[in-house]
Amino acid sequence: MNPQAVLDLCHEHAAAEAESDIDRVLATLVPAPRFDFFPLAKSMVGWATVDHFYRNQYAEFAKRVVGYEMLGEWTSEYAAIQ
């Protein structure tokens, strides 16, 4: 996938999260997703873990987010970082 397509997919993922459309969120993922959370040094690895988070914990997590600031976006043909 070219870097722009990866970034477009990242934006689709974020839009689906904003609408709490979990099926749409999951449709943006690769078969073996990995999320790394900095500076917490925490990760979510693998489909089962990520699926469980979005289906069972995301709604509660999202309620606790009081804001964010996008510092930048970086992408390659393999991944996107925001």
C-alpha atoms as a PDB file:
ATOM      1  CA  MET A   1       0.000   0.000   0.000  1.00  0.00           C
ATOM      2  CA  ASN A   2       1.415   3.413  -0.829  1.00  0.00           C
ATOM      3  CA  PRO A   3       2.009   5.858   2.064  1.00  0.00           C
ATOM      4  CA  GLN A   4      -0.963   8.090   1.136  1.00  0.00           C
ATOM      5  CA  ALA A   5      -3.315   5.084   1.144  1.00  0.00           C
ATOM      6  CA  VAL A   6      -1.984   4.112   4.581  1.00  0.00           C
ATOM      7  CA  LEU A   7      -2.604   7.654   5.850  1.00  0.00           C
ATOM      8  CA  ASP A   8      -6.113   7.673   4.329  1.00  0.00           C
ATOM      9  CA  LEU A   9      -6.837   4.398   6.134  1.00  0.00           C
ATOM     10  CA  CYS A  10      -5.536   5.926   9.379  1.00  0.00           C
ATOM     11  CA  HIS A  11      -7.927   8.864   8.932  1.00  0.00           C
ATOM     12  CA  GLU A  12     -10.816   6.447   8.255  1.00  0.00           C
ATOM     13  CA  HIS A  13      -9.903   4.594  11.458  1.00  0.00           C
ATOM     14  CA  ALA A  14      -9.973   7.836  13.473  1.00  0.00           C
ATOM     15  CA  ALA A  15     -13.308   8.890  11.949  1.00  0.00           C
ATOM     16  CA  ALA A  16     -14.827   5.508  12.804  1.00  0.00           C
ATOM     17  CA  GLU A  17     -13.538   5.796  16.383  1.00  0.00           C
ATOM     18  CA  ALA A  18     -15.072   9.275  16.679  1.00  0.00           C
ATOM     19  CA  GLU A  19     -18.448   7.795  15.663  1.00  0.00           C
ATOM     20  CA  SER A  20     -17.968   4.704  17.880  1.00  0.00           C
ATOM     21  CA  ASP A  21     -18.536   2.515  14.820  1.00  0.00           C
ATOM     22  CA  ILE A  22     -16.578  -0.496  16.060  1.00  0.00           C
ATOM     23  CA  ASP A  23     -17.142  -2.709  13.021  1.00  0.00           C
ATOM     24  CA  ARG A  24     -15.856   0.104  10.817  1.00  0.00           C
ATOM     25  CA  VAL A  25     -12.855   0.615  13.137  1.00  0.00           C
ATOM     26  CA  LEU A  26     -11.971  -3.071  12.983  1.00  0.00           C
ATOM     27  CA  ALA A  27     -12.309  -3.065   9.184  1.00  0.00           C
ATOM     28  CA  THR A  28      -9.358  -0.648   9.007  1.00  0.00           C
ATOM     29  CA  LEU A  29      -6.963  -3.045  10.741  1.00  0.00           C
ATOM     30  CA  VAL A  30      -4.436  -5.530   9.423  1.00  0.00           C
ATOM     31  CA  PRO A  31      -4.867  -9.198  10.442  1.00  0.00           C
ATOM     32  CA  ALA A  32      -2.244  -8.889  13.211  1.00  0.00           C
ATOM     33  CA  PRO A  33      -2.609  -5.322  14.554  1.00  0.00           C
ATOM     34  CA  ARG A  34      -0.247  -3.709  17.038  1.00  0.00           C
ATOM     35  CA  PHE A  35      -0.909  -0.507  18.954  1.00  0.00           C
ATOM     36  CA  ASP A  36       1.920   1.097  20.953  1.00  0.00           C
ATOM     37  CA  PHE A  37       1.042   3.827  23.442  1.00  0.00           C
ATOM     38  CA  PHE A  38       3.776   6.303  24.243  1.00  0.00           C
ATOM     39  CA  PRO A  39       4.919   7.411  26.778  1.00  0.00           C
ATOM     40  CA  LEU A  40       2.975   4.762  28.710  1.00  0.00           C
ATOM     41  CA  ALA A  41       5.149   1.928  27.362  1.00  0.00           C
ATOM     42  CA  LYS A  42       1.978  -0.141  26.821  1.00  0.00           C
ATOM     43  CA  SER A  43       0.981  -2.187  23.780  1.00  0.00           C
ATOM     44  CA  MET A  44      -1.999  -4.067  22.385  1.00  0.00           C
ATOM     45  CA  VAL A  45      -0.889  -6.874  20.105  1.00  0.00           C
ATOM     46  CA  GLY A  46      -2.927  -9.299  18.023  1.00  0.00           C
ATOM     47  CA  TRP A  47      -6.435  -9.436  16.631  1.00  0.00           C
ATOM     48  CA  ALA A  48      -8.094 -11.003  19.697  1.00  0.00           C
ATOM     49  CA  THR A  49      -6.674  -8.375  22.075  1.00  0.00           C
ATOM     50  CA  VAL A  50      -7.557  -5.411  19.858  1.00  0.00           C
ATOM     51  CA  ASP A  51     -11.015  -6.792  19.047  1.00  0.00           C
ATOM     52  CA  HIS A  52     -11.700  -7.300  22.772  1.00  0.00           C
ATOM     53  CA  PHE A  53     -10.571  -3.756  23.576  1.00  0.00           C
ATOM     54  CA  TYR A  54     -12.798  -2.149  20.952  1.00  0.00           C
ATOM     55  CA  ARG A  55     -15.859  -4.294  21.643  1.00  0.00           C
ATOM     56  CA  ASN A  56     -15.639  -4.335  25.447  1.00  0.00           C
ATOM     57  CA  GLN A  57     -13.551  -1.415  26.677  1.00  0.00           C
ATOM     58  CA  TYR A  58     -13.438   1.343  24.061  1.00  0.00           C
ATOM     59  CA  ALA A  59     -16.679   3.058  25.077  1.00  0.00           C
ATOM     60  CA  GLU A  60     -15.449   3.487  28.658  1.00  0.00           C
ATOM     61  CA  PHE A  61     -11.985   4.529  27.503  1.00  0.00           C
ATOM     62  CA  ALA A  62     -13.411   7.130  25.095  1.00  0.00           C
ATOM     63  CA  LYS A  63     -15.472   8.732  27.883  1.00  0.00           C
ATOM     64  CA  ARG A  64     -12.258   9.394  29.804  1.00  0.00           C
ATOM     65  CA  VAL A  65     -10.485  11.192  26.978  1.00  0.00           C
ATOM     66  CA  VAL A  66     -10.785  14.895  27.720  1.00  0.00           C
ATOM     67  CA  GLY A  67      -8.754  16.135  24.772  1.00  0.00           C
ATOM     68  CA  TYR A  68      -5.765  15.561  22.575  1.00  0.00           C
ATOM     69  CA  GLU A  69      -3.383  17.442  20.355  1.00  0.00           C
ATOM     70  CA  MET A  70      -2.141  16.074  17.053  1.00  0.00           C
ATOM     71  CA  LEU A  71       1.595  16.699  16.993  1.00  0.00           C
ATOM     72  CA  GLY A  72       2.159  15.212  13.580  1.00  0.00           C
ATOM     73  CA  GLU A  73       1.604  12.296  11.238  1.00  0.00           C
ATOM     74  CA  TRP A  74       4.202   9.992   9.755  1.00  0.00           C
ATOM     75  CA  THR A  75       3.550   7.181   7.344  1.00  0.00           C
ATOM     76  CA  SER A  76       5.213   4.587   5.176  1.00  0.00           C
ATOM     77  CA  GLU A  77       3.859   1.788   3.024  1.00  0.00           C
ATOM     78  CA  TYR A  78       3.572  -0.311   6.218  1.00  0.00           C
ATOM     79  CA  ALA A  79       2.370   1.891   9.067  1.00  0.00           C
ATOM     80  CA  ALA A  80       1.122   5.251  10.231  1.00  0.00           C
ATOM     81  CA  ILE A  81       1.994   7.081  13.433  1.00  0.00           C
ATOM     82  CA  GLN A  82       0.038   9.950  14.905  1.00  0.00           C
END
